[in-house]
């Protein structure tokens, strides 16, 4: 590696550390060494040993996990915005219908007033009293009572319609305020995602090809160690549940996406993020589930790891920032992170928070 490239890599690592400190509270790194004074020779640390590459791997893991958490926030804001937009559209439709109804009621009220004017301006009760025909008096009395009830009902309906319109308008204004706040949350999450990914990609880009290969090997070894530890607990010894019909369809969809690139915020059909893959897989199986891994963890039925079956979702990390789908034999399918593709991996290759089941009613 040339001296210039080594310097760039050292600077990239420093930038990554700074970004990591901002992204993960409580995490700290040593301050960068001050630049050498005039006339001195700068010393450059060259990434050569597996120990140093392991440090790079952990930094990358931290950055990508922070990006994953921000992606979940972005997806949640996007999903909420969809619901709020649909609600605003429904409210707007109700407001239009309410105004049309109110206009009709006003027309009817106007027609009643005009009829009274044409009758000489006298109220119906007065005209009735002045009648000389007893039968007309009796018949008219019933009509007067009906007219009074109709007028009272018309006024009451106008009042209710006006009140409904005011409530619809206020609800619409509130939804628009929340929609605007959601846009700000989504924009902030997008900036965090892009910042984390940019720092990680910069660090990876400055590695020599041989170092990249060794880094990939270290990643595989770390995953294999975690999987071996998980398997050694005997968890598979008790797994006997078989997939449901919907579960098989979900697994078939998810595994058919193997090889497609990860892209944050994506739900297919050509790219996916982790929860985009699992939510679309279950949608293909005929079941709508929450969009994000955190919402999947919060709202789907939780089951014990020893009871999981193919199609169940495995939620990873304490913040529920990653999700994969169990396919059986200790293996899950997932969309790992930027720069990777949908793939199979050991179900225990990352820290498991828990397991959730999208189709608990299936038995």
Protein backbone atom coordinates (compact mmCIF):
# COMPACT_ATOMS: atom_id res chain seq x y z
CA UNK A 1 0.00 0.00 0.00
CA UNK A 2 1.46 3.42 -0.99
CA UNK A 3 2.17 6.06 1.64
CA UNK A 4 -0.52 8.35 0.19
CA UNK A 5 -3.16 5.66 0.32
CA UNK A 6 -2.16 4.70 3.84
CA UNK A 7 -2.67 8.29 4.90
CA UNK A 8 -6.12 8.38 3.35
CA UNK A 9 -7.05 5.14 5.11
CA UNK A 10 -5.83 6.49 8.45
CA UNK A 11 -7.93 9.61 7.93
CA UNK A 12 -10.94 7.49 6.96
CA UNK A 13 -10.64 5.45 10.14
CA UNK A 14 -10.52 8.70 12.15
CA UNK A 15 -13.68 9.95 10.42
CA UNK A 16 -15.41 6.64 11.10
CA UNK A 17 -14.57 6.86 14.78
CA UNK A 18 -16.00 10.36 14.96
CA UNK A 19 -19.23 9.32 13.27
CA UNK A 20 -19.51 6.28 15.54
CA UNK A 21 -19.22 8.46 18.65
CA UNK A 22 -22.09 10.60 17.39
CA UNK A 23 -24.21 7.59 16.50
CA UNK A 24 -23.78 5.42 19.60
CA UNK A 25 -24.18 7.10 23.00
CA UNK A 26 -21.64 6.01 25.55
CA UNK A 27 -19.11 4.86 22.96
CA UNK A 28 -15.77 6.63 22.99
CA UNK A 29 -12.54 6.48 21.03
CA UNK A 30 -9.15 8.00 21.67
CA UNK A 31 -8.63 11.44 20.20
CA UNK A 32 -6.62 11.52 16.97
CA UNK A 33 -2.90 12.17 17.32
CA UNK A 34 -1.99 15.83 16.66
CA UNK A 35 -0.23 16.42 13.33
CA UNK A 36 3.59 16.33 13.51
CA UNK A 37 5.42 19.61 13.74
CA UNK A 38 7.64 21.04 11.03
CA UNK A 39 10.73 19.03 10.31
CA UNK A 40 9.40 15.82 11.84
CA UNK A 41 8.59 12.61 10.02
CA UNK A 42 4.97 11.45 10.22
CA UNK A 43 4.45 7.85 11.28
CA UNK A 44 1.66 5.96 9.47
CA UNK A 45 -0.13 2.97 10.93
CA UNK A 46 -0.60 0.36 8.21
CA UNK A 47 -3.57 -2.01 8.47
CA UNK A 48 -1.91 -5.37 8.06
CA UNK A 49 -2.67 -7.65 10.99
CA UNK A 50 -5.89 -9.54 11.60
CA UNK A 51 -6.14 -7.73 14.93
CA UNK A 52 -6.25 -4.37 13.16
CA UNK A 53 -8.66 -5.67 10.53
CA UNK A 54 -10.85 -7.01 13.32
CA UNK A 55 -11.01 -3.47 14.73
CA UNK A 56 -12.07 -2.24 11.29
CA UNK A 57 -14.71 -5.00 11.13
CA UNK A 58 -16.16 -3.92 14.46
CA UNK A 59 -16.24 -0.26 13.37
CA UNK A 60 -18.03 -1.27 10.16
CA UNK A 61 -20.48 -3.37 12.14
CA UNK A 62 -21.23 -0.42 14.43
CA UNK A 63 -21.74 1.93 11.50
CA UNK A 64 -24.03 -0.44 9.60
CA UNK A 65 -26.04 -1.20 12.73
CA UNK A 66 -26.54 2.52 13.30
CA UNK A 67 -27.65 2.82 9.67
CA UNK A 68 -30.06 -0.09 10.18
CA UNK A 69 -31.62 1.58 13.21
CA UNK A 70 -32.03 4.83 11.28
CA UNK A 71 -33.52 2.84 8.39
CA UNK A 72 -36.15 1.44 10.74
CA UNK A 73 -36.96 5.01 11.85
CA UNK A 74 -37.18 6.10 8.21
CA UNK A 75 -39.44 3.18 7.30
CA UNK A 76 -41.69 3.82 10.31
CA UNK A 77 -42.04 7.48 9.35
CA UNK A 78 -42.78 6.49 5.75
CA UNK A 79 -45.43 3.98 6.83
CA UNK A 80 -47.04 6.52 9.17
CA UNK A 81 -47.04 9.11 6.38
CA UNK A 82 -48.91 6.67 4.11
CA UNK A 83 -51.60 6.12 6.73
CA UNK A 84 -51.92 9.84 7.47
CA UNK A 85 -52.12 10.72 3.78
CA UNK A 86 -54.91 8.17 3.33
CA UNK A 87 -56.70 9.63 6.36
CA UNK A 88 -56.40 13.17 4.98
CA UNK A 89 -57.90 11.96 1.68
CA UNK A 90 -60.81 10.32 3.56
CA UNK A 91 -61.40 13.47 5.60
CA UNK A 92 -61.29 15.64 2.49
CA UNK A 93 -63.93 13.42 0.90
CA UNK A 94 -66.11 13.71 4.02
CA UNK A 95 -65.72 17.50 3.98
CA UNK A 96 -66.83 17.68 0.33
CA UNK A 97 -69.80 15.41 1.02
CA UNK A 98 -70.69 17.41 4.15
CA UNK A 99 -70.62 20.70 2.27
CA UNK A 100 -72.85 19.28 -0.45
CA UNK A 101 -75.28 18.06 2.20
CA UNK A 102 -75.26 21.42 3.98
CA UNK A 103 -75.92 23.23 0.71
CA UNK A 104 -78.87 20.93 0.09
CA UNK A 105 -80.25 21.57 3.57
CA UNK A 106 -79.90 25.32 3.07
CA UNK A 107 -81.77 25.05 -0.23
CA UNK A 108 -84.57 23.16 1.49
CA UNK A 109 -84.71 25.71 4.28
CA UNK A 110 -84.79 28.50 1.72
CA UNK A 111 -87.65 26.81 -0.13
CA UNK A 112 -89.64 26.55 3.11
CA UNK A 113 -89.10 30.24 3.82
CA UNK A 114 -90.17 31.16 0.29
CA UNK A 115 -93.33 29.10 0.64
CA UNK A 116 -94.17 30.95 3.84
CA UNK A 117 -93.62 34.27 2.09
CA UNK A 118 -95.95 33.25 -0.73
CA UNK A 119 -98.58 32.43 1.91
CA UNK A 120 -98.78 36.08 2.85
CA UNK A 121 -96.14 36.08 5.48
CA UNK A 122 -98.50 34.62 8.07
CA UNK A 123 -97.32 31.61 10.02
CA UNK A 124 -99.28 28.39 9.34
CA UNK A 125 -100.85 28.54 12.83
CA UNK A 126 -102.37 31.96 12.15
CA UNK A 127 -103.77 30.94 8.78
CA UNK A 128 -105.28 27.86 10.41
CA UNK A 129 -107.08 29.86 13.13
CA UNK A 130 -108.61 32.18 10.49
CA UNK A 131 -110.15 29.24 8.60
CA UNK A 132 -113.97 28.93 8.67
CA UNK A 133 -113.98 25.23 7.73
CA UNK A 134 -113.82 22.94 10.83
CA UNK A 135 -112.57 19.98 8.80
CA UNK A 136 -109.89 22.13 7.22
CA UNK A 137 -108.98 23.23 10.72
CA UNK A 138 -108.59 19.63 11.92
CA UNK A 139 -106.67 18.52 8.81
CA UNK A 140 -104.48 21.59 8.94
CA UNK A 141 -103.61 21.05 12.58
CA UNK A 142 -101.95 17.76 11.70
CA UNK A 143 -100.05 19.34 8.84
CA UNK A 144 -98.85 22.15 11.08
CA UNK A 145 -97.46 19.66 13.62
CA UNK A 146 -95.74 17.74 10.81
CA UNK A 147 -94.33 20.97 9.42
CA UNK A 148 -93.04 22.01 12.82
CA UNK A 149 -91.35 18.65 13.30
CA UNK A 150 -89.87 18.82 9.80
CA UNK A 151 -88.57 22.34 10.33
CA UNK A 152 -87.08 21.42 13.69
CA UNK A 153 -85.49 18.29 12.17
CA UNK A 154 -84.12 20.32 9.26
CA UNK A 155 -82.52 22.86 11.57
CA UNK A 156 -81.11 20.10 13.78
CA UNK A 157 -79.62 18.31 10.79
CA UNK A 158 -78.05 21.52 9.54
CA UNK A 159 -76.50 22.07 12.99
CA UNK A 160 -75.12 18.52 13.14
CA UNK A 161 -73.75 18.73 9.61
CA UNK A 162 -72.02 22.03 10.37
CA UNK A 163 -70.51 20.56 13.55
CA UNK A 164 -69.29 17.47 11.63
CA UNK A 165 -67.67 19.70 9.02
CA UNK A 166 -65.80 21.62 11.69
CA UNK A 167 -64.58 18.36 13.28
CA UNK A 168 -63.47 16.95 9.92
CA UNK A 169 -61.59 20.15 9.14
CA UNK A 170 -59.82 20.13 12.53
CA UNK A 171 -58.92 16.43 12.14
CA UNK A 172 -57.52 17.15 8.69
CA UNK A 173 -55.44 20.05 10.03
CA UNK A 174 -54.07 17.80 12.81
CA UNK A 175 -53.21 15.05 10.34
CA UNK A 176 -51.40 17.57 8.14
CA UNK A 177 -49.42 18.85 11.14
CA UNK A 178 -48.40 15.28 12.02
CA UNK A 179 -47.60 14.59 8.39
CA UNK A 180 -45.24 17.54 8.30
CA UNK A 181 -43.58 16.45 11.57
CA UNK A 182 -43.19 12.95 10.09
CA UNK A 183 -41.48 14.37 7.02
CA UNK A 184 -38.90 16.03 9.27
CA UNK A 185 -38.31 12.75 11.16
CA UNK A 186 -37.90 10.90 7.88
CA UNK A 187 -35.51 13.50 6.47
CA UNK A 188 -33.37 13.41 9.63
CA UNK A 189 -33.27 9.59 9.56
CA UNK A 190 -32.27 9.65 5.90
CA UNK A 191 -29.35 11.96 6.67
CA UNK A 192 -28.17 9.64 9.45
CA UNK A 193 -28.42 6.62 7.17
CA UNK A 194 -26.46 8.28 4.40
CA UNK A 195 -23.81 9.57 6.81
CA UNK A 196 -23.25 6.14 8.37
CA UNK A 197 -23.16 4.31 5.05
CA UNK A 198 -20.87 6.90 3.47
CA UNK A 199 -18.38 6.56 6.34
CA UNK A 200 -18.48 2.75 6.16
CA UNK A 201 -18.08 2.67 2.39
CA UNK A 202 -15.19 5.12 2.58
CA UNK A 203 -13.41 2.92 5.09
CA UNK A 204 -13.95 -0.22 3.00
CA UNK A 205 -12.93 1.52 -0.22
CA UNK A 206 -9.52 2.39 1.19
CA UNK A 207 -8.63 -1.22 1.89
CA UNK A 208 -6.45 -3.15 -0.51
CA UNK A 209 -8.11 -6.09 -2.26
CA UNK A 210 -6.18 -8.58 -0.12
CA UNK A 211 -7.34 -6.77 3.02
CA UNK A 212 -10.95 -6.79 1.80
CA UNK A 213 -10.76 -10.53 1.31
CA UNK A 214 -9.33 -11.02 4.78
CA UNK A 215 -11.98 -8.70 6.22
CA UNK A 216 -14.71 -10.78 4.55
CA UNK A 217 -13.11 -13.89 6.01
CA UNK A 218 -13.13 -12.33 9.49
CA UNK A 219 -16.83 -11.50 9.05
CA UNK A 220 -17.59 -15.12 8.12
CA UNK A 221 -15.54 -16.40 11.05
CA UNK A 222 -17.34 -14.11 13.51
CA UNK A 223 -20.71 -15.25 12.20
CA UNK A 224 -19.61 -18.90 12.34
CA UNK A 225 -18.47 -18.54 15.95
CA UNK A 226 -21.78 -17.00 16.94
CA UNK A 227 -23.71 -19.72 15.11
CA UNK A 228 -21.63 -22.47 16.73
CA UNK A 229 -22.24 -21.00 20.18
CA UNK A 230 -25.97 -20.83 19.46
CA UNK A 231 -26.10 -24.40 18.21
CA UNK A 232 -24.08 -25.67 21.16
CA UNK A 233 -26.91 -24.53 23.44
CA UNK A 234 -28.95 -27.43 22.04
CA UNK A 235 -31.68 -25.15 20.71
CA UNK A 236 -32.17 -27.26 17.57
CA UNK A 237 -32.67 -30.40 19.64
CA UNK A 238 -36.15 -29.20 20.60
CA UNK A 239 -37.25 -27.72 17.27
CA UNK A 240 -40.06 -29.91 15.95
CA UNK A 241 -42.62 -27.44 14.56
CA UNK A 242 -43.34 -27.60 10.85
CA UNK A 243 -44.20 -24.69 8.61
CA UNK A 244 -47.82 -23.80 7.94
CA UNK A 245 -49.10 -23.42 4.38
CA UNK A 246 -48.69 -19.63 4.65
CA UNK A 247 -45.29 -20.06 6.25
CA UNK A 248 -44.10 -22.18 3.32
CA UNK A 249 -45.29 -19.52 0.87
CA UNK A 250 -43.48 -16.80 2.82
CA UNK A 251 -40.25 -18.84 2.91
CA UNK A 252 -40.55 -19.58 -0.81
CA UNK A 253 -40.88 -15.88 -1.60
CA UNK A 254 -38.01 -14.83 0.66
CA UNK A 255 -35.58 -17.47 -0.62
CA UNK A 256 -36.50 -16.62 -4.22
CA UNK A 257 -34.99 -13.16 -3.59
CA UNK A 258 -31.54 -14.56 -2.75
CA UNK A 259 -28.87 -12.64 -4.64
CA UNK A 260 -30.83 -9.38 -4.89
CA UNK A 261 -29.07 -6.31 -3.44
CA UNK A 262 -29.79 -4.71 -0.08
CA UNK A 263 -31.09 -1.15 -0.31
CA UNK A 264 -32.33 0.78 2.69
CA UNK A 265 -36.03 1.64 2.53
CA UNK A 266 -36.65 -0.86 -0.30
CA UNK A 267 -39.54 -3.34 -0.44
CA UNK A 268 -38.72 -5.02 -3.73
CA UNK A 269 -39.13 -6.27 -6.26
CA UNK A 270 -35.47 -5.77 -7.20
CA UNK A 271 -33.93 -4.57 -3.92
CA UNK A 272 -34.81 -5.02 -0.24
CA UNK A 273 -33.91 -3.96 3.24
CA UNK A 274 -34.30 -6.51 6.04
CA UNK A 275 -37.88 -5.76 7.06
CA UNK A 276 -38.88 -4.98 3.49
CA UNK A 277 -37.98 -8.59 2.65
CA UNK A 278 -39.91 -10.13 5.55
CA UNK A 279 -43.01 -7.93 5.18
CA UNK A 280 -43.22 -8.55 1.43
CA UNK A 281 -42.67 -12.28 1.89
CA UNK A 282 -45.64 -12.50 4.23
CA UNK A 283 -47.71 -10.23 1.98
CA UNK A 284 -47.03 -12.69 -0.84
CA UNK A 285 -48.31 -15.41 1.50
CA UNK A 286 -51.55 -13.48 2.01
CA UNK A 287 -50.75 -11.87 5.38
CA UNK A 288 -50.14 -8.17 6.00
CA UNK A 289 -47.65 -7.53 8.80
CA UNK A 290 -45.98 -4.34 10.12
CA UNK A 291 -43.35 -2.79 7.86
CA UNK A 292 -40.41 -2.37 10.25
CA UNK A 293 -38.47 -4.86 12.36
CA UNK A 294 -39.24 -2.89 15.52
CA UNK A 295 -42.98 -2.86 14.77
CA UNK A 296 -42.85 -6.55 13.89
CA UNK A 297 -41.29 -7.17 17.29
CA UNK A 298 -43.85 -4.99 19.08
CA UNK A 299 -47.03 -6.18 17.37
CA UNK A 300 -46.61 -9.80 16.27
CA UNK A 301 -47.09 -12.76 18.60
CA UNK A 302 -43.88 -13.75 20.36
CA UNK A 303 -42.86 -17.39 20.58
CA UNK A 304 -40.01 -19.16 22.30
CA UNK A 305 -36.95 -19.84 20.17
CA UNK A 306 -37.31 -23.55 20.86
CA UNK A 307 -40.81 -23.44 19.34
CA UNK A 308 -40.02 -21.51 16.17
CA UNK A 309 -40.97 -22.88 12.79
CA UNK A 310 -40.14 -21.93 9.18
CA UNK A 311 -41.71 -18.60 8.32
CA UNK A 312 -41.28 -17.17 11.82
CA UNK A 313 -39.29 -13.95 12.06
CA UNK A 314 -36.12 -13.74 14.13
CA UNK A 315 -35.54 -10.28 15.60
CA UNK A 316 -31.91 -9.35 16.24
CA UNK A 317 -30.06 -6.96 18.54
CA UNK A 318 -31.44 -5.30 21.67
CA UNK A 319 -32.95 -2.44 19.66
CA UNK A 320 -34.77 -4.81 17.25
CA UNK A 321 -32.96 -3.17 14.35
CA UNK A 322 -32.62 -6.30 12.20
CA UNK A 323 -34.87 -9.18 11.18
CA UNK A 324 -34.51 -12.42 9.26
CA UNK A 325 -36.89 -15.27 8.40
CA UNK A 326 -36.30 -18.74 9.76
CA UNK A 327 -36.24 -21.35 6.99
CA UNK A 328 -35.35 -24.44 9.05
CA UNK A 329 -32.30 -26.47 10.05
CA UNK A 330 -30.84 -23.56 12.03
CA UNK A 331 -30.77 -21.29 8.96
CA UNK A 332 -32.49 -17.98 8.20
CA UNK A 333 -32.75 -15.81 5.09
CA UNK A 334 -32.20 -12.05 5.35
CA UNK A 335 -31.06 -8.87 3.64
CA UNK A 336 -27.89 -8.15 5.65
CA UNK A 337 -26.71 -4.59 4.96
CA UNK A 338 -25.58 -2.15 2.26
CA UNK A 339 -23.09 -3.75 -0.09
CA UNK A 340 -24.51 -7.24 0.49
CA UNK A 341 -27.26 -9.27 -1.12
CA UNK A 342 -30.17 -11.31 0.23
CA UNK A 343 -28.62 -14.51 1.51
CA UNK A 344 -28.90 -17.50 3.82
CA UNK A 345 -27.09 -17.32 7.16
CA UNK A 346 -26.98 -19.10 10.49
CA UNK A 347 -30.00 -18.18 12.57
CA UNK A 348 -27.70 -17.65 15.54
CA UNK A 349 -25.05 -15.66 13.70
CA UNK A 350 -26.20 -12.45 15.43
CA UNK A 351 -27.54 -11.80 18.93
CA UNK A 352 -31.21 -12.90 18.96
CA UNK A 353 -33.67 -10.64 20.74
CA UNK A 354 -36.60 -12.96 20.14
CA UNK A 355 -38.90 -14.67 17.65
CA UNK A 356 -42.31 -13.51 16.41
CA UNK A 357 -44.99 -15.38 14.47
CA UNK A 358 -47.08 -13.68 11.77
CA UNK A 359 -49.66 -16.53 11.57
CA UNK A 360 -50.29 -17.71 15.15
CA UNK A 361 -53.89 -18.65 14.38
CA UNK A 362 -52.69 -21.34 11.96
CA UNK A 363 -51.71 -23.52 14.91
